[in-house]
C-alpha atoms as a PDB file:
ATOM      1  CA  MET A   1       2.983  19.707  -7.760  1.00  0.00           C
ATOM      2  CA  TYR A   2       1.618  16.264  -8.550  1.00  0.00           C
ATOM      3  CA  TRP A   3       0.589  17.138 -12.134  1.00  0.00           C
ATOM      4  CA  LYS A   4       4.163  18.028 -13.153  1.00  0.00           C
ATOM      5  CA  ILE A   5       5.516  14.827 -11.596  1.00  0.00           C
ATOM      6  CA  ALA A   6       2.910  12.512 -13.134  1.00  0.00           C
ATOM      7  CA  LEU A   7       2.585  14.181 -16.547  1.00  0.00           C
ATOM      8  CA  PRO A   8       5.673  16.400 -17.016  1.00  0.00           C
ATOM      9  CA  THR A   9       5.174  16.975 -20.745  1.00  0.00           C
ATOM     10  CA  SER A  10       1.405  17.575 -20.692  1.00  0.00           C
ATOM     11  CA  PRO A  11      -0.019  20.998 -19.919  1.00  0.00           C
ATOM     12  CA  MET A  12      -2.536  21.112 -17.092  1.00  0.00           C
ATOM     13  CA  PRO A  13      -6.133  21.424 -18.422  1.00  0.00           C
ATOM     14  CA  GLY A  14      -7.637  24.862 -17.897  1.00  0.00           C
ATOM     15  CA  ALA A  15     -10.501  23.590 -15.723  1.00  0.00           C
ATOM     16  CA  ILE A  16      -8.054  22.029 -13.256  1.00  0.00           C
ATOM     17  CA  ARG A  17      -5.780  25.091 -13.334  1.00  0.00           C
ATOM     18  CA  ASP A  18      -8.798  27.304 -12.562  1.00  0.00           C
ATOM     19  CA  LEU A  19      -9.677  25.193  -9.518  1.00  0.00           C
ATOM     20  CA  ILE A  20      -6.160  25.569  -8.176  1.00  0.00           C
ATOM     21  CA  ASN A  21      -5.839  29.234  -9.153  1.00  0.00           C
ATOM     22  CA  PRO A  22      -9.301  30.771  -9.675  1.00  0.00           C
ATOM     23  CA  ALA A  23      -7.718  34.196 -10.341  1.00  0.00           C
ATOM     24  CA  SER A  24      -6.523  32.824 -13.706  1.00  0.00           C
ATOM     25  CA  SER A  25     -10.132  32.351 -14.837  1.00  0.00           C
ATOM     26  CA  ALA A  26     -12.480  35.041 -16.112  1.00  0.00           C
ATOM     27  CA  GLY A  27     -14.331  35.242 -12.786  1.00  0.00           C
ATOM     28  CA  SER A  28     -11.059  36.035 -10.965  1.00  0.00           C
ATOM     29  CA  ALA A  29     -11.149  35.207  -7.268  1.00  0.00           C
ATOM     30  CA  SER A  30      -9.486  37.058  -4.423  1.00  0.00           C
ATOM     31  CA  LYS A  31      -5.906  36.403  -3.364  1.00  0.00           C
ATOM     32  CA  GLU A  32      -7.243  34.850  -0.126  1.00  0.00           C
ATOM     33  CA  ASP A  33      -9.347  32.344  -2.112  1.00  0.00           C
ATOM     34  CA  THR A  34      -6.341  31.380  -4.221  1.00  0.00           C
ATOM     35  CA  VAL A  35      -4.116  30.975  -1.160  1.00  0.00           C
ATOM     36  CA  GLY A  36      -6.865  28.902   0.518  1.00  0.00           C
ATOM     37  CA  ASN A  37      -7.159  26.611  -2.513  1.00  0.00           C
ATOM     38  CA  VAL A  38      -3.406  26.068  -2.717  1.00  0.00           C
ATOM     39  CA  SER A  39      -3.049  25.456   1.041  1.00  0.00           C
ATOM     40  CA  THR A  40      -5.955  22.973   0.937  1.00  0.00           C
ATOM     41  CA  LEU A  41      -4.275  21.093  -1.913  1.00  0.00           C
ATOM     42  CA  ALA A  42      -0.980  21.046   0.011  1.00  0.00           C
ATOM     43  CA  GLU A  43      -2.715  19.783   3.172  1.00  0.00           C
ATOM     44  CA  CYS A  44      -4.584  17.098   1.245  1.00  0.00           C
ATOM     45  CA  GLU A  45      -1.390  15.917  -0.460  1.00  0.00           C
ATOM     46  CA  ALA A  46       0.657  15.906   2.792  1.00  0.00           C
ATOM     47  CA  ALA A  47       1.439  12.602   4.492  1.00  0.00           C
ATOM     48  CA  PRO A  48      -0.514  11.854   7.687  1.00  0.00           C
ATOM     49  CA  GLN A  49       1.106  12.342  11.094  1.00  0.00           C
ATOM     50  CA  ALA A  50       2.484   9.226  12.791  1.00  0.00           C
ATOM     51  CA  GLY A  51      -0.376   7.072  14.089  1.00  0.00           C
ATOM     52  CA  GLU A  52      -2.996   9.055  12.189  1.00  0.00           C
ATOM     53  CA  ALA A  53      -5.143   8.163   9.193  1.00  0.00           C
ATOM     54  CA  LYS A  54      -6.437  11.033   7.059  1.00  0.00           C
ATOM     55  CA  ARG A  55      -8.379  11.752   3.893  1.00  0.00           C
ATOM     56  CA  CYS A  56      -9.743  14.794   2.130  1.00  0.00           C
ATOM     57  CA  ALA A  57     -13.411  14.069   1.454  1.00  0.00           C
ATOM     58  CA  THR A  58     -15.278  15.849  -1.335  1.00  0.00           C
ATOM     59  CA  SER A  59     -18.668  14.253  -0.681  1.00  0.00           C
ATOM     60  CA  LEU A  60     -20.731  13.078   2.268  1.00  0.00           C
ATOM     61  CA  GLU A  61     -20.415   9.519   0.950  1.00  0.00           C
ATOM     62  CA  SER A  62     -16.606   9.766   0.956  1.00  0.00           C
ATOM     63  CA  MET A  63     -16.651  11.205   4.472  1.00  0.00           C
ATOM     64  CA  VAL A  64     -18.911   8.438   5.834  1.00  0.00           C
ATOM     65  CA  GLU A  65     -16.832   5.773   4.044  1.00  0.00           C
ATOM     66  CA  PHE A  66     -13.615   7.067   5.645  1.00  0.00           C
ATOM     67  CA  ALA A  67     -15.216   7.336   9.110  1.00  0.00           C
ATOM     68  CA  ALA A  68     -16.672   3.814   8.856  1.00  0.00           C
ATOM     69  CA  SER A  69     -13.423   2.242   7.655  1.00  0.00           C
ATOM     70  CA  SER A  70     -11.373   4.096  10.301  1.00  0.00           C
ATOM     71  CA  LEU A  71     -13.756   3.134  13.110  1.00  0.00           C
ATOM     72  CA  GLY A  72     -14.212  -0.446  11.878  1.00  0.00           C
ATOM     73  CA  THR A  73     -17.996  -0.262  11.587  1.00  0.00           C
ATOM     74  CA  ARG A  74     -20.693   1.307   9.422  1.00  0.00           C
ATOM     75  CA  ASP A  75     -22.724   1.937  12.589  1.00  0.00           C
ATOM     76  CA  VAL A  76     -21.539   5.536  13.097  1.00  0.00           C
ATOM     77  CA  HIS A  77     -23.077   8.947  13.608  1.00  0.00           C
ATOM     78  CA  ALA A  78     -21.841  12.535  13.422  1.00  0.00           C
ATOM     79  CA  VAL A  79     -22.012  15.245  16.053  1.00  0.00           C
ATOM     80  CA  SER A  80     -21.390  18.916  15.352  1.00  0.00           C
ATOM     81  CA  THR A  81     -21.858  22.423  16.684  1.00  0.00           C
ATOM     82  CA  GLU A  82     -25.395  23.739  16.304  1.00  0.00           C
ATOM     83  CA  VAL A  83     -26.528  27.357  16.645  1.00  0.00           C
ATOM     84  CA  ASP A  84     -30.176  28.417  16.951  1.00  0.00           C
ATOM     85  CA  ARG A  85     -29.972  30.899  14.061  1.00  0.00           C
ATOM     86  CA  ALA A  86     -28.883  30.858  10.430  1.00  0.00           C
ATOM     87  CA  GLY A  87     -25.366  31.879   9.526  1.00  0.00           C
ATOM     88  CA  PRO A  88     -22.287  31.975  11.692  1.00  0.00           C
ATOM     89  CA  ALA A  89     -22.604  32.470  15.447  1.00  0.00           C
ATOM     90  CA  PRO A  90     -22.153  36.131  16.438  1.00  0.00           C
ATOM     91  CA  ARG A  91     -18.783  37.024  18.007  1.00  0.00           C
ATOM     92  CA  GLN A  92     -19.728  37.949  21.568  1.00  0.00           C
ATOM     93  CA  ALA A  93     -19.468  36.770  25.161  1.00  0.00           C
ATOM     94  CA  TYR A  94     -21.162  33.416  25.846  1.00  0.00           C
ATOM     95  CA  ARG A  95     -22.084  31.849  29.180  1.00  0.00           C
ATOM     96  CA  VAL A  96     -21.526  28.120  29.656  1.00  0.00           C
ATOM     97  CA  GLU A  97     -24.879  26.618  30.717  1.00  0.00           C
ATOM     98  CA  ALA A  98     -23.948  22.906  30.760  1.00  0.00           C
ATOM     99  CA  VAL A  99     -21.249  20.474  29.661  1.00  0.00           C
ATOM    100  CA  ARG A 100     -21.896  16.837  28.804  1.00  0.00           C
ATOM    101  CA  PRO A 101     -19.456  14.264  27.467  1.00  0.00           C
ATOM    102  CA  VAL A 102     -20.000  12.803  24.012  1.00  0.00           C
ATOM    103  CA  PRO A 103     -19.981   9.014  24.439  1.00  0.00           C
ATOM    104  CA  VAL A 104     -17.075   7.664  22.396  1.00  0.00           C
ATOM    105  CA  SER A 105     -17.220   3.880  22.159  1.00  0.00           C
ATOM    106  CA  GLY A 106     -13.686   2.510  21.834  1.00  0.00           C
ATOM    107  CA  GLY A 107     -12.044   5.884  22.479  1.00  0.00           C
ATOM    108  CA  ASP A 108     -11.221   6.776  18.887  1.00  0.00           C
ATOM    109  CA  MET A 109     -13.148   9.000  16.492  1.00  0.00           C
ATOM    110  CA  VAL A 110     -12.849  10.804  13.173  1.00  0.00           C
ATOM    111  CA  ALA A 111     -12.834  14.603  12.948  1.00  0.00           C
ATOM    112  CA  CYS A 112     -13.720  16.298   9.648  1.00  0.00           C
ATOM    113  CA  HIS A 113     -12.905  19.998   9.204  1.00  0.00           C
ATOM    114  CA  GLY A 114     -14.210  22.235   6.411  1.00  0.00           C
ATOM    115  CA  MET A 115     -11.391  23.510   4.191  1.00  0.00           C
ATOM    116  CA  ALA A 116     -11.108  26.488   1.864  1.00  0.00           C
ATOM    117  CA  TYR A 117     -11.602  25.393  -1.734  1.00  0.00           C
ATOM    118  CA  ALA A 118     -13.674  26.082  -4.838  1.00  0.00           C
ATOM    119  CA  TYR A 119     -16.140  23.381  -3.690  1.00  0.00           C
ATOM    120  CA  ALA A 120     -16.837  21.459  -0.460  1.00  0.00           C
ATOM    121  CA  VAL A 121     -13.721  19.709   0.864  1.00  0.00           C
ATOM    122  CA  PHE A 122     -13.388  18.268   4.360  1.00  0.00           C
ATOM    123  CA  GLY A 123     -10.039  17.307   5.868  1.00  0.00           C
ATOM    124  CA  CYS A 124     -10.783  14.187   7.923  1.00  0.00           C
ATOM    125  CA  HIS A 125      -8.429  12.491  10.365  1.00  0.00           C
ATOM    126  CA  THR A 126      -8.510   9.995  13.201  1.00  0.00           C
ATOM    127  CA  THR A 127      -8.140  11.298  16.761  1.00  0.00           C
ATOM    128  CA  THR A 128      -8.431  10.120  20.365  1.00  0.00           C
ATOM    129  CA  ALA A 129      -9.477  13.412  21.979  1.00  0.00           C
ATOM    130  CA  ALA A 130     -12.223  13.608  24.615  1.00  0.00           C
ATOM    131  CA  ALA A 131     -15.350  15.242  23.192  1.00  0.00           C
ATOM    132  CA  TYR A 132     -17.999  17.358  24.918  1.00  0.00           C
ATOM    133  CA  MET A 133     -21.203  19.158  23.963  1.00  0.00           C
ATOM    134  CA  VAL A 134     -21.230  22.571  25.634  1.00  0.00           C
ATOM    135  CA  ALA A 135     -24.518  24.467  25.980  1.00  0.00           C
ATOM    136  CA  LEU A 136     -23.828  28.177  25.463  1.00  0.00           C
ATOM    137  CA  SER A 137     -25.983  31.274  25.893  1.00  0.00           C
ATOM    138  CA  GLY A 138     -24.924  34.514  24.176  1.00  0.00           C
ATOM    139  CA  ALA A 139     -25.368  38.037  25.477  1.00  0.00           C
ATOM    140  CA  ASP A 140     -27.862  38.700  22.634  1.00  0.00           C
ATOM    141  CA  GLY A 141     -29.878  35.546  23.392  1.00  0.00           C
ATOM    142  CA  THR A 142     -28.179  33.299  20.826  1.00  0.00           C
ATOM    143  CA  ARG A 143     -28.103  29.708  22.036  1.00  0.00           C
ATOM    144  CA  ALA A 144     -25.668  27.070  20.840  1.00  0.00           C
ATOM    145  CA  GLU A 145     -24.675  23.468  21.473  1.00  0.00           C
ATOM    146  CA  ALA A 146     -20.965  23.698  20.747  1.00  0.00           C
ATOM    147  CA  LEU A 147     -18.787  20.653  20.131  1.00  0.00           C
ATOM    148  CA  ALA A 148     -15.480  20.793  22.019  1.00  0.00           C
ATOM    149  CA  ALA A 149     -12.485  18.467  21.766  1.00  0.00           C
ATOM    150  CA  CYS A 150      -9.882  18.127  24.509  1.00  0.00           C
ATOM    151  CA  HIS A 151      -6.480  16.663  23.693  1.00  0.00           C
ATOM    152  CA  ALA A 152      -4.626  15.249  26.710  1.00  0.00           C
ATOM    153  CA  ASP A 153      -1.671  13.847  24.783  1.00  0.00           C
ATOM    154  CA  ALA A 154       1.078  15.466  22.778  1.00  0.00           C
ATOM    155  CA  ALA A 155      -0.597  14.720  19.443  1.00  0.00           C
ATOM    156  CA  PRO A 156       1.326  16.291  16.528  1.00  0.00           C
ATOM    157  CA  GLY A 157      -1.527  18.575  15.470  1.00  0.00           C
ATOM    158  CA  VAL A 158      -1.792  20.013  18.987  1.00  0.00           C
ATOM    159  CA  ALA A 159       1.890  20.867  19.457  1.00  0.00           C
ATOM    160  CA  GLU A 160       1.379  24.514  18.472  1.00  0.00           C
ATOM    161  CA  ALA A 161      -1.311  24.961  21.154  1.00  0.00           C
ATOM    162  CA  TYR A 162       1.046  23.704  23.869  1.00  0.00           C
ATOM    163  CA  LYS A 163       3.747  26.058  22.589  1.00  0.00           C
ATOM    164  CA  ARG A 164       1.387  29.064  22.658  1.00  0.00           C
ATOM    165  CA  LEU A 165       0.226  28.170  26.173  1.00  0.00           C
ATOM    166  CA  GLY A 166       3.831  27.863  27.334  1.00  0.00           C
ATOM    167  CA  VAL A 167       3.339  24.390  28.825  1.00  0.00           C
ATOM    168  CA  ALA A 168       4.998  21.052  28.165  1.00  0.00           C
ATOM    169  CA  PRO A 169       3.225  18.931  25.531  1.00  0.00           C
ATOM    170  CA  GLY A 170       0.864  16.451  27.182  1.00  0.00           C
ATOM    171  CA  SER A 171       1.129  18.103  30.629  1.00  0.00           C
ATOM    172  CA  VAL A 172      -2.417  19.557  30.575  1.00  0.00           C
ATOM    173  CA  PRO A 173      -5.456  18.987  28.347  1.00  0.00           C
ATOM    174  CA  VAL A 174      -5.815  21.462  25.471  1.00  0.00           C
ATOM    175  CA  CYS A 175      -9.426  22.075  24.473  1.00  0.00           C
ATOM    176  CA  HIS A 176     -10.953  23.845  21.478  1.00  0.00           C
ATOM    177  CA  PHE A 177     -14.393  24.331  19.970  1.00  0.00           C
ATOM    178  CA  LEU A 178     -15.170  22.954  16.520  1.00  0.00           C
ATOM    179  CA  PRO A 179     -16.855  25.414  14.128  1.00  0.00           C
ATOM    180  CA  GLN A 180     -20.378  24.839  12.852  1.00  0.00           C
ATOM    181  CA  ASP A 181     -19.405  23.030   9.646  1.00  0.00           C
ATOM    182  CA  ASP A 182     -16.952  20.596  11.282  1.00  0.00           C
ATOM    183  CA  MET A 183     -18.083  17.087  12.261  1.00  0.00           C
ATOM    184  CA  LEU A 184     -16.956  14.438  14.674  1.00  0.00           C
ATOM    185  CA  TRP A 185     -17.797  10.837  13.740  1.00  0.00           C
ATOM    186  CA  VAL A 186     -18.181   8.235  16.504  1.00  0.00           C
ATOM    187  CA  ARG A 187     -19.461   4.655  16.778  1.00  0.00           C
ATOM    188  CA  ASN A 188     -23.110   4.185  17.813  1.00  0.00           C
END
């Protein structure tokens, strides 16, 4: 890991070690939390895909700064999935009520995805997907405005979806919903 490369003869401070491996601290976290922390660190340290800019943001200010610099303007806004009740949306059947495109000036945008870590970390990256707001109505009456992204190219992060669908990369659009805590930044 980076610490051993940069400071090979210095032990890692306990506070940093506990962030990476919370199970080593007195409050011992679950194995899943530890694995999530380590995988988040690995993802944040990984090089971006070809043609992509990325950053792990640990504050709203850092997220906005990355979105603004990537989009070439400070005149940006975020869109995200919204559900009409607190907590996560219930897992159930939903009916699509309406679909409307999210206007994306210039065609590029920045997606920020919540990541597992001891504190808020968002993995942000540039993308050129088409975006839509999808009005959904659940069987129990839950209503949501869900953000969907559709990738029509063979972008590196979408390769696994094409493989699972058994189609050639870039041959059909691959769409997915973004969870409630994810954000998509676009120019105003």
